[in-house]
């Protein structure tokens, strides 16, 4: 999702040029230490590249198939468990800067999206699919799965709490 600002696309390019320049300078100063770092980075890139391709593929499909009107049909007041599953999964699959999602979520709420589902969506954005291979690599599969499961459960609890607070004092006591 693009924010429409011209400088946004260039900032990534500037960062890349900056990192390459730093590596060049370091390589000229200390090639014996820079080469192993480059090899380690390359090896990690080779390991996670297939996951990146898969993520981009699924995000493209999601962006093509799911329009805001389609989503709002499934996240209204009577959506039940289907709405929670959709909010959780699209939150995990979403990408781009979080502030770019606020207008879309506002529009969906105007069209009838439940606030709890918007909260679950935003909470699950903290699960970054492109970073999962690194988490598994550093912490192990068991840790990653347990953490992700608890994050998804917490997002549902947060969404339910927000809906309770919105209903007012009678719903809380």
Protein backbone atom coordinates (compact mmCIF):
# COMPACT_ATOMS: atom_id res chain seq x y z
CA UNK A 1 0.00 0.00 0.00
CA UNK A 2 1.56 3.27 -1.08
CA UNK A 3 1.12 6.52 0.75
CA UNK A 4 1.37 8.54 -2.43
CA UNK A 5 4.36 10.61 -1.37
CA UNK A 6 7.24 10.89 -3.82
CA UNK A 7 10.03 10.62 -1.23
CA UNK A 8 8.80 7.30 0.16
CA UNK A 9 10.11 5.19 -2.71
CA UNK A 10 13.45 6.95 -2.78
CA UNK A 11 14.21 6.56 0.92
CA UNK A 12 14.71 2.80 0.51
CA UNK A 13 17.07 3.40 -2.41
CA UNK A 14 19.05 5.96 -0.40
CA UNK A 15 19.34 3.50 2.47
CA UNK A 16 20.56 0.75 0.12
CA UNK A 17 23.20 3.07 -1.42
CA UNK A 18 24.28 4.12 2.09
CA UNK A 19 24.70 0.49 3.25
CA UNK A 20 26.61 -0.48 0.09
CA UNK A 21 28.90 2.55 0.55
CA UNK A 22 29.60 1.55 4.16
CA UNK A 23 30.42 -2.01 3.08
CA UNK A 24 32.73 -0.67 0.37
CA UNK A 25 34.59 1.56 2.82
CA UNK A 26 34.85 -1.25 5.36
CA UNK A 27 36.02 -3.66 2.66
CA UNK A 28 38.78 -1.24 1.65
CA UNK A 29 39.84 -0.75 5.28
CA UNK A 30 39.42 -4.31 6.66
CA UNK A 31 38.71 -6.84 3.88
CA UNK A 32 39.53 -9.81 6.14
CA UNK A 33 36.64 -8.89 8.45
CA UNK A 34 34.22 -7.59 5.86
CA UNK A 35 34.24 -10.66 3.61
CA UNK A 36 32.93 -13.07 6.32
CA UNK A 37 30.16 -10.58 7.15
CA UNK A 38 29.17 -10.39 3.48
CA UNK A 39 29.17 -14.19 3.22
CA UNK A 40 26.98 -14.54 6.31
CA UNK A 41 24.53 -11.96 4.95
CA UNK A 42 24.45 -13.73 1.59
CA UNK A 43 23.84 -17.12 3.20
CA UNK A 44 20.97 -15.73 5.25
CA UNK A 45 19.48 -14.07 2.16
CA UNK A 46 19.60 -17.38 0.27
CA UNK A 47 17.78 -19.10 3.14
CA UNK A 48 14.98 -16.55 3.45
CA UNK A 49 14.54 -15.57 -0.22
CA UNK A 50 12.02 -18.36 -0.98
CA UNK A 51 9.89 -17.18 1.95
CA UNK A 52 10.03 -13.58 0.67
CA UNK A 53 8.82 -14.73 -2.76
CA UNK A 54 5.97 -16.70 -1.19
CA UNK A 55 4.95 -13.76 1.01
CA UNK A 56 4.90 -11.34 -1.93
CA UNK A 57 2.84 -13.86 -3.93
CA UNK A 58 0.20 -14.25 -1.20
CA UNK A 59 0.06 -10.52 -0.53
CA UNK A 60 -0.51 -9.90 -4.24
CA UNK A 61 -3.36 -12.42 -4.30
CA UNK A 62 -4.87 -10.85 -1.19
CA UNK A 63 -4.68 -7.34 -2.63
CA UNK A 64 -6.24 -8.54 -5.89
CA UNK A 65 -9.10 -10.57 -4.41
CA UNK A 66 -10.07 -8.63 -1.30
CA UNK A 67 -11.57 -5.20 -1.86
CA UNK A 68 -12.73 -3.00 1.03
CA UNK A 69 -16.40 -3.71 0.15
CA UNK A 70 -15.80 -7.46 0.19
CA UNK A 71 -14.00 -7.26 3.51
CA UNK A 72 -16.66 -5.08 5.11
CA UNK A 73 -19.30 -7.72 4.23
CA UNK A 74 -17.39 -10.23 6.31
CA UNK A 75 -16.47 -8.07 9.31
CA UNK A 76 -19.82 -6.54 10.23
CA UNK A 77 -21.85 -7.05 13.40
CA UNK A 78 -23.03 -10.55 12.51
CA UNK A 79 -19.71 -11.86 11.22
CA UNK A 80 -19.00 -14.15 14.19
CA UNK A 81 -15.92 -16.34 14.11
CA UNK A 82 -15.48 -15.74 10.37
CA UNK A 83 -14.88 -12.05 11.08
CA UNK A 84 -12.32 -12.81 13.77
CA UNK A 85 -10.46 -15.22 11.50
CA UNK A 86 -10.47 -12.71 8.65
CA UNK A 87 -9.27 -9.83 10.86
CA UNK A 88 -6.51 -11.98 12.36
CA UNK A 89 -5.28 -13.44 9.07
CA UNK A 90 -5.38 -10.19 7.09
CA UNK A 91 -3.60 -8.43 9.95
CA UNK A 92 -0.82 -10.99 9.73
CA UNK A 93 -0.65 -10.79 5.93
CA UNK A 94 -0.84 -7.00 5.70
CA UNK A 95 2.26 -5.00 4.87
CA UNK A 96 3.33 -1.39 4.44
CA UNK A 97 3.39 1.38 7.01
CA UNK A 98 0.72 1.05 9.68
CA UNK A 99 -0.49 4.64 9.28
CA UNK A 100 -1.47 3.82 5.71
CA UNK A 101 -4.01 1.30 7.05
CA UNK A 102 -5.80 3.78 9.34
CA UNK A 103 -7.91 5.40 6.57
CA UNK A 104 -8.93 1.99 5.23
CA UNK A 105 -9.92 0.78 8.69
CA UNK A 106 -11.84 4.00 9.32
CA UNK A 107 -13.73 3.51 6.04
CA UNK A 108 -14.44 -0.11 6.95
CA UNK A 109 -15.73 0.95 10.37
CA UNK A 110 -17.99 3.53 8.72
CA UNK A 111 -19.33 0.69 6.54
CA UNK A 112 -20.05 -1.39 9.64
CA UNK A 113 -16.81 -3.12 10.67
CA UNK A 114 -16.69 -4.04 14.35
CA UNK A 115 -14.12 -2.12 16.41
CA UNK A 116 -12.87 -5.32 18.00
CA UNK A 117 -12.02 -6.71 14.58
CA UNK A 118 -10.11 -3.53 13.69
CA UNK A 119 -8.16 -3.89 16.95
CA UNK A 120 -7.40 -7.56 16.22
CA UNK A 121 -6.21 -6.59 12.73
CA UNK A 122 -3.88 -3.90 14.10
CA UNK A 123 -2.56 -6.17 16.87
CA UNK A 124 -1.75 -8.94 14.41
CA UNK A 125 0.23 -6.56 12.22
CA UNK A 126 3.02 -7.08 14.74
CA UNK A 127 3.44 -10.58 13.29
CA UNK A 128 5.80 -10.04 10.38
CA UNK A 129 5.81 -13.00 7.99
CA UNK A 130 9.06 -11.97 6.25
CA UNK A 131 10.80 -12.00 9.65
CA UNK A 132 9.46 -15.40 10.76
CA UNK A 133 12.34 -17.37 9.19
CA UNK A 134 14.81 -15.27 11.19
CA UNK A 135 12.83 -15.82 14.38
CA UNK A 136 12.84 -19.58 13.79
CA UNK A 137 16.54 -19.48 12.95
CA UNK A 138 17.48 -17.61 16.16
CA UNK A 139 14.90 -18.96 18.65
CA UNK A 140 13.67 -22.27 17.23
CA UNK A 141 10.37 -23.41 15.79
CA UNK A 142 8.75 -24.22 19.15
CA UNK A 143 9.39 -20.74 20.54
CA UNK A 144 8.14 -19.08 17.32
CA UNK A 145 4.93 -21.13 17.20
CA UNK A 146 4.09 -20.60 20.88
CA UNK A 147 4.76 -16.85 20.63
CA UNK A 148 2.64 -16.51 17.48
CA UNK A 149 -0.21 -18.50 19.04
CA UNK A 150 -0.19 -16.32 22.17
CA UNK A 151 -0.05 -13.15 20.05
CA UNK A 152 -3.12 -14.26 18.09
CA UNK A 153 -5.00 -15.17 21.28
CA UNK A 154 -4.05 -11.82 22.84
CA UNK A 155 -5.35 -10.01 19.75
CA UNK A 156 -8.73 -11.69 20.14
CA UNK A 157 -8.87 -10.82 23.85
CA UNK A 158 -7.95 -7.22 23.08
CA UNK A 159 -10.65 -6.99 20.42
CA UNK A 160 -13.29 -8.40 22.77
CA UNK A 161 -12.23 -5.96 25.52
CA UNK A 162 -12.52 -3.01 23.15
CA UNK A 163 -16.01 -4.11 22.17
CA UNK A 164 -16.94 -4.42 25.87
CA UNK A 165 -15.63 -0.94 26.65
CA UNK A 166 -17.50 0.50 23.67
CA UNK A 167 -20.78 -0.90 24.96
CA UNK A 168 -20.33 1.07 28.15
CA UNK A 169 -20.52 0.42 31.91
CA UNK A 170 -23.52 -1.96 31.69
CA UNK A 171 -21.56 -4.44 29.57
CA UNK A 172 -18.64 -4.41 32.03
CA UNK A 173 -20.52 -5.02 35.21
